[in-house]
Amino acid sequence: QVQLVESGGGLVQPGGSLRLSCAASGFTFSSALMSWYRQAPGKERELVATITSAGGNTNYADSVKGRFTITRDNAKNTMYLQMNSLKTEDTAVYYCKWRRHGLDYWGQGTQVTVSS
């Protein structure tokens, strides 16, 4: 079955960096458009970044452009989110997502807390 497992979250000070990973299994990862989302307390889940199947095209939310980088390693069935210059407002649970035939598959999420 489809599994998405995020890791790499934690507590970091403002201005710091983290790299999140999303390990995928149960589907042809190398053919999949993948996305990172996040959900802060009391807010709706929002799209952070997307990456096409071969990694050639990426898109970012305006709030993270220039600070976050989405990449993937199809040989490892893993997607990454490098987060630099973190701000307190980046605090959220971060999820990876795959959509197929209108059905969304989500990981369990990983908590990122940016605080001094």
N, C-alpha and C. Protein backbone atom coordinates (compact mmCIF):
# COMPACT_ATOMS: atom_id res chain seq x y z
N GLN A 1 0.84 -1.18 0.00
CA GLN A 1 0.00 0.00 0.00
C GLN A 1 0.89 1.25 0.00
N VAL A 2 0.27 2.37 -0.33
CA VAL A 2 1.00 3.63 -0.38
C VAL A 2 1.41 4.04 1.03
N GLN A 3 2.68 4.40 1.17
CA GLN A 3 3.18 4.93 2.43
C GLN A 3 4.05 6.14 2.17
N LEU A 4 3.84 7.17 2.94
CA LEU A 4 4.66 8.37 2.93
C LEU A 4 5.08 8.64 4.36
N VAL A 5 6.38 8.70 4.60
CA VAL A 5 6.89 8.86 5.96
C VAL A 5 7.82 10.06 6.00
N GLU A 6 7.39 11.10 6.71
CA GLU A 6 8.20 12.30 6.86
C GLU A 6 9.13 12.17 8.07
N SER A 7 10.26 12.84 7.98
CA SER A 7 11.19 12.90 9.10
C SER A 7 12.03 14.16 8.97
N GLY A 8 12.77 14.47 10.04
CA GLY A 8 13.68 15.60 10.00
C GLY A 8 13.22 16.84 10.72
N GLY A 9 12.00 16.83 11.23
CA GLY A 9 11.52 17.99 11.96
C GLY A 9 12.21 18.15 13.30
N GLY A 10 11.93 19.27 13.96
CA GLY A 10 12.52 19.51 15.26
C GLY A 10 12.38 20.95 15.68
N LEU A 11 13.13 21.29 16.73
CA LEU A 11 13.14 22.65 17.26
C LEU A 11 14.39 23.37 16.75
N VAL A 12 14.21 24.54 16.20
CA VAL A 12 15.33 25.30 15.66
C VAL A 12 15.12 26.78 15.97
N GLN A 13 16.20 27.50 16.13
CA GLN A 13 16.12 28.93 16.39
C GLN A 13 15.83 29.70 15.11
N PRO A 14 15.24 30.87 15.22
CA PRO A 14 15.05 31.71 14.03
C PRO A 14 16.38 31.93 13.31
N GLY A 15 16.32 31.83 11.99
CA GLY A 15 17.53 31.95 11.18
C GLY A 15 18.21 30.63 10.92
N GLY A 16 17.78 29.59 11.59
CA GLY A 16 18.39 28.28 11.43
C GLY A 16 17.87 27.52 10.23
N SER A 17 18.34 26.28 10.11
CA SER A 17 18.00 25.44 8.96
C SER A 17 17.57 24.05 9.42
N LEU A 18 16.75 23.43 8.60
CA LEU A 18 16.38 22.03 8.77
C LEU A 18 16.19 21.42 7.39
N ARG A 19 16.39 20.11 7.30
CA ARG A 19 16.07 19.39 6.07
C ARG A 19 15.08 18.28 6.39
N LEU A 20 13.94 18.37 5.76
CA LEU A 20 12.91 17.35 5.91
C LEU A 20 13.06 16.31 4.81
N SER A 21 12.68 15.09 5.14
CA SER A 21 12.67 14.00 4.16
C SER A 21 11.28 13.36 4.13
N CYS A 22 10.94 12.85 2.96
CA CYS A 22 9.69 12.11 2.78
C CYS A 22 10.04 10.83 2.03
N ALA A 23 9.98 9.71 2.73
CA ALA A 23 10.27 8.42 2.13
C ALA A 23 8.98 7.81 1.61
N ALA A 24 8.97 7.44 0.34
CA ALA A 24 7.75 6.96 -0.31
C ALA A 24 7.87 5.48 -0.68
N SER A 25 6.75 4.79 -0.62
CA SER A 25 6.71 3.39 -1.05
C SER A 25 5.29 3.04 -1.47
N GLY A 26 5.18 1.97 -2.25
CA GLY A 26 3.86 1.49 -2.64
C GLY A 26 3.34 2.05 -3.94
N PHE A 27 4.13 2.88 -4.61
CA PHE A 27 3.74 3.41 -5.90
C PHE A 27 5.01 3.78 -6.67
N THR A 28 4.83 4.13 -7.94
CA THR A 28 5.98 4.46 -8.78
C THR A 28 6.39 5.89 -8.52
N PHE A 29 7.26 6.06 -7.55
CA PHE A 29 7.66 7.39 -7.11
C PHE A 29 8.25 8.22 -8.25
N SER A 30 9.02 7.61 -9.10
CA SER A 30 9.72 8.34 -10.16
C SER A 30 8.77 8.94 -11.19
N SER A 31 7.51 8.54 -11.17
CA SER A 31 6.51 9.09 -12.08
C SER A 31 5.58 10.08 -11.41
N ALA A 32 5.80 10.35 -10.14
CA ALA A 32 4.84 11.09 -9.34
C ALA A 32 5.20 12.55 -9.14
N LEU A 33 4.21 13.42 -9.36
CA LEU A 33 4.32 14.80 -8.91
C LEU A 33 4.13 14.79 -7.39
N MET A 34 5.04 15.43 -6.68
CA MET A 34 5.00 15.39 -5.22
C MET A 34 4.93 16.80 -4.66
N SER A 35 4.40 16.89 -3.43
CA SER A 35 4.23 18.21 -2.82
C SER A 35 4.54 18.15 -1.33
N TRP A 36 4.94 19.30 -0.82
CA TRP A 36 5.03 19.53 0.62
C TRP A 36 3.93 20.51 1.01
N TYR A 37 3.25 20.23 2.10
CA TYR A 37 2.26 21.11 2.70
C TYR A 37 2.64 21.35 4.15
N ARG A 38 2.01 22.33 4.75
CA ARG A 38 2.19 22.55 6.17
C ARG A 38 0.89 23.06 6.78
N GLN A 39 0.76 22.81 8.08
CA GLN A 39 -0.42 23.28 8.80
C GLN A 39 0.01 23.80 10.17
N ALA A 40 -0.20 25.09 10.35
CA ALA A 40 0.10 25.73 11.63
C ALA A 40 -1.13 25.63 12.54
N PRO A 41 -0.94 25.73 13.85
CA PRO A 41 -2.08 25.65 14.78
C PRO A 41 -3.14 26.68 14.45
N GLY A 42 -4.39 26.22 14.34
CA GLY A 42 -5.49 27.13 14.08
C GLY A 42 -5.60 27.62 12.66
N LYS A 43 -4.77 27.09 11.77
CA LYS A 43 -4.79 27.53 10.38
C LYS A 43 -5.07 26.36 9.45
N GLU A 44 -5.47 26.69 8.22
CA GLU A 44 -5.69 25.65 7.23
C GLU A 44 -4.36 25.13 6.69
N ARG A 45 -4.40 23.90 6.22
CA ARG A 45 -3.21 23.34 5.58
C ARG A 45 -2.93 24.12 4.30
N GLU A 46 -1.65 24.43 4.08
CA GLU A 46 -1.29 25.22 2.90
C GLU A 46 -0.16 24.55 2.13
N LEU A 47 -0.19 24.77 0.82
CA LEU A 47 0.84 24.24 -0.07
C LEU A 47 2.13 25.02 0.12
N VAL A 48 3.21 24.29 0.29
CA VAL A 48 4.53 24.91 0.44
C VAL A 48 5.32 24.85 -0.87
N ALA A 49 5.39 23.66 -1.46
CA ALA A 49 6.21 23.48 -2.67
C ALA A 49 5.79 22.21 -3.40
N THR A 50 6.01 22.22 -4.72
CA THR A 50 5.78 21.04 -5.53
C THR A 50 6.99 20.77 -6.41
N ILE A 51 7.12 19.51 -6.83
CA ILE A 51 8.22 19.13 -7.71
C ILE A 51 7.71 18.08 -8.69
N THR A 52 8.07 18.25 -9.96
CA THR A 52 7.64 17.30 -10.97
C THR A 52 8.41 15.99 -10.84
N SER A 53 7.97 15.01 -11.61
CA SER A 53 8.46 13.64 -11.41
C SER A 53 9.97 13.51 -11.56
N ALA A 54 10.55 14.20 -12.53
CA ALA A 54 12.00 14.12 -12.75
C ALA A 54 12.75 15.22 -12.01
N GLY A 55 12.01 16.07 -11.34
CA GLY A 55 12.64 17.14 -10.57
C GLY A 55 12.99 18.37 -11.37
N GLY A 56 12.56 18.40 -12.62
CA GLY A 56 12.96 19.51 -13.47
C GLY A 56 12.23 20.80 -13.23
N ASN A 57 11.05 20.71 -12.63
CA ASN A 57 10.27 21.91 -12.36
C ASN A 57 9.79 21.93 -10.92
N THR A 58 9.90 23.09 -10.32
CA THR A 58 9.48 23.26 -8.93
C THR A 58 8.66 24.54 -8.81
N ASN A 59 7.80 24.57 -7.82
CA ASN A 59 7.03 25.76 -7.51
C ASN A 59 6.96 25.94 -6.00
N TYR A 60 6.90 27.19 -5.57
CA TYR A 60 6.93 27.50 -4.15
C TYR A 60 5.86 28.51 -3.78
N ALA A 61 5.39 28.41 -2.56
CA ALA A 61 4.55 29.48 -2.02
C ALA A 61 5.39 30.74 -1.88
N ASP A 62 4.76 31.88 -2.06
CA ASP A 62 5.50 33.14 -1.97
C ASP A 62 6.20 33.29 -0.62
N SER A 63 5.59 32.75 0.42
CA SER A 63 6.12 32.93 1.77
C SER A 63 7.44 32.19 2.00
N VAL A 64 7.77 31.23 1.13
CA VAL A 64 9.00 30.46 1.33
C VAL A 64 10.00 30.61 0.19
N LYS A 65 9.62 31.34 -0.86
CA LYS A 65 10.53 31.50 -2.01
C LYS A 65 11.85 32.11 -1.58
N GLY A 66 12.92 31.53 -2.07
CA GLY A 66 14.25 32.03 -1.74
C GLY A 66 14.82 31.47 -0.45
N ARG A 67 13.98 30.79 0.33
CA ARG A 67 14.44 30.22 1.61
C ARG A 67 14.36 28.69 1.62
N PHE A 68 13.36 28.14 0.95
CA PHE A 68 13.15 26.69 0.93
C PHE A 68 13.50 26.14 -0.45
N THR A 69 13.99 24.91 -0.47
CA THR A 69 14.30 24.22 -1.73
C THR A 69 13.77 22.81 -1.68
N ILE A 70 12.95 22.46 -2.66
CA ILE A 70 12.41 21.11 -2.77
C ILE A 70 13.23 20.33 -3.79
N THR A 71 13.62 19.13 -3.42
CA THR A 71 14.36 18.24 -4.31
C THR A 71 13.86 16.82 -4.12
N ARG A 72 14.36 15.93 -4.97
CA ARG A 72 13.99 14.52 -4.85
C ARG A 72 15.13 13.65 -5.35
N ASP A 73 15.17 12.42 -4.84
CA ASP A 73 16.11 11.41 -5.30
C ASP A 73 15.28 10.20 -5.69
N ASN A 74 15.02 10.04 -6.97
CA ASN A 74 14.15 8.95 -7.41
C ASN A 74 14.78 7.57 -7.19
N ALA A 75 16.10 7.52 -7.12
CA ALA A 75 16.76 6.24 -6.83
C ALA A 75 16.49 5.79 -5.40
N LYS A 76 16.22 6.75 -4.52
CA LYS A 76 15.95 6.45 -3.12
C LYS A 76 14.48 6.59 -2.75
N ASN A 77 13.65 6.90 -3.74
CA ASN A 77 12.21 7.10 -3.48
C ASN A 77 11.99 8.10 -2.34
N THR A 78 12.73 9.18 -2.39
CA THR A 78 12.69 10.15 -1.29
C THR A 78 12.64 11.57 -1.83
N MET A 79 11.84 12.39 -1.19
CA MET A 79 11.74 13.81 -1.49
C MET A 79 12.26 14.58 -0.28
N TYR A 80 12.79 15.76 -0.55
CA TYR A 80 13.39 16.56 0.52
C TYR A 80 12.84 17.98 0.50
N LEU A 81 12.94 18.64 1.64
CA LEU A 81 12.66 20.07 1.72
C LEU A 81 13.76 20.69 2.58
N GLN A 82 14.66 21.42 1.93
CA GLN A 82 15.69 22.14 2.64
C GLN A 82 15.12 23.49 3.04
N MET A 83 15.13 23.77 4.32
CA MET A 83 14.54 25.01 4.84
C MET A 83 15.63 25.83 5.51
N ASN A 84 15.90 26.99 4.95
CA ASN A 84 16.91 27.90 5.48
C ASN A 84 16.26 29.19 5.95
N SER A 85 17.00 29.96 6.73
CA SER A 85 16.51 31.25 7.22
C SER A 85 15.11 31.10 7.83
N LEU A 86 14.96 30.13 8.67
CA LEU A 86 13.64 29.83 9.22
C LEU A 86 13.14 30.97 10.10
N LYS A 87 11.82 31.16 10.04
CA LYS A 87 11.16 32.21 10.80
C LYS A 87 10.15 31.57 11.76
N THR A 88 9.76 32.31 12.77
CA THR A 88 8.79 31.77 13.72
C THR A 88 7.49 31.37 13.02
N GLU A 89 7.15 32.10 11.98
CA GLU A 89 5.91 31.79 11.26
C GLU A 89 6.00 30.53 10.39
N ASP A 90 7.17 29.93 10.32
CA ASP A 90 7.30 28.64 9.63
C ASP A 90 6.93 27.47 10.55
N THR A 91 6.67 27.76 11.80
CA THR A 91 6.27 26.71 12.74
C THR A 91 4.98 26.05 12.28
N ALA A 92 5.02 24.74 12.12
CA ALA A 92 3.87 23.99 11.61
C ALA A 92 4.21 22.51 11.58
N VAL A 93 3.19 21.71 11.32
CA VAL A 93 3.42 20.31 10.97
C VAL A 93 3.54 20.26 9.45
N TYR A 94 4.60 19.62 8.99
CA TYR A 94 4.87 19.54 7.56
C TYR A 94 4.53 18.14 7.05
N TYR A 95 3.81 18.12 5.93
CA TYR A 95 3.33 16.87 5.35
C TYR A 95 3.79 16.75 3.89
N CYS A 96 4.06 15.54 3.46
CA CYS A 96 4.23 15.31 2.03
C CYS A 96 2.96 14.68 1.49
N LYS A 97 2.72 14.92 0.21
CA LYS A 97 1.48 14.48 -0.40
C LYS A 97 1.71 13.99 -1.82
N TRP A 98 0.98 12.95 -2.18
CA TRP A 98 0.91 12.45 -3.55
C TRP A 98 -0.55 12.36 -3.92
N ARG A 99 -0.90 12.80 -5.11
CA ARG A 99 -2.27 12.71 -5.59
C ARG A 99 -2.35 11.79 -6.79
N ARG A 100 -3.31 10.88 -6.79
CA ARG A 100 -3.52 9.98 -7.92
C ARG A 100 -5.00 9.83 -8.15
N HIS A 101 -5.42 10.12 -9.38
CA HIS A 101 -6.83 9.98 -9.76
C HIS A 101 -7.75 10.69 -8.77
N GLY A 102 -7.32 11.89 -8.35
CA GLY A 102 -8.17 12.69 -7.49
C GLY A 102 -8.13 12.30 -6.03
N LEU A 103 -7.35 11.29 -5.69
CA LEU A 103 -7.25 10.85 -4.28
C LEU A 103 -5.91 11.29 -3.73
N ASP A 104 -5.94 11.95 -2.57
CA ASP A 104 -4.72 12.44 -1.94
C ASP A 104 -4.20 11.45 -0.91
N TYR A 105 -2.90 11.20 -0.98
CA TYR A 105 -2.22 10.36 0.01
C TYR A 105 -1.28 11.25 0.82
N TRP A 106 -1.38 11.16 2.14
CA TRP A 106 -0.60 12.01 3.04
C TRP A 106 0.26 11.16 3.96
N GLY A 107 1.39 11.76 4.35
CA GLY A 107 2.16 11.17 5.42
C GLY A 107 1.58 11.59 6.76
N GLN A 108 2.25 11.16 7.84
CA GLN A 108 1.76 11.46 9.18
C GLN A 108 2.19 12.85 9.64
N GLY A 109 3.14 13.43 8.95
CA GLY A 109 3.61 14.77 9.28
C GLY A 109 4.80 14.76 10.21
N THR A 110 5.56 15.85 10.16
CA THR A 110 6.68 16.05 11.07
C THR A 110 6.62 17.48 11.59
N GLN A 111 6.80 17.64 12.90
CA GLN A 111 6.65 18.94 13.53
C GLN A 111 7.93 19.77 13.36
N VAL A 112 7.75 21.00 12.91
CA VAL A 112 8.84 21.98 12.85
C VAL A 112 8.46 23.14 13.76
N THR A 113 9.32 23.41 14.73
CA THR A 113 9.08 24.52 15.64
C THR A 113 10.26 25.48 15.57
N VAL A 114 9.97 26.72 15.23
CA VAL A 114 11.01 27.75 15.14
C VAL A 114 10.79 28.71 16.29
N SER A 115 11.73 28.69 17.22
CA SER A 115 11.56 29.48 18.44
C SER A 115 12.91 29.74 19.08
N SER A 116 13.02 30.90 19.71
CA SER A 116 14.25 31.21 20.44
C SER A 116 14.10 30.83 21.91
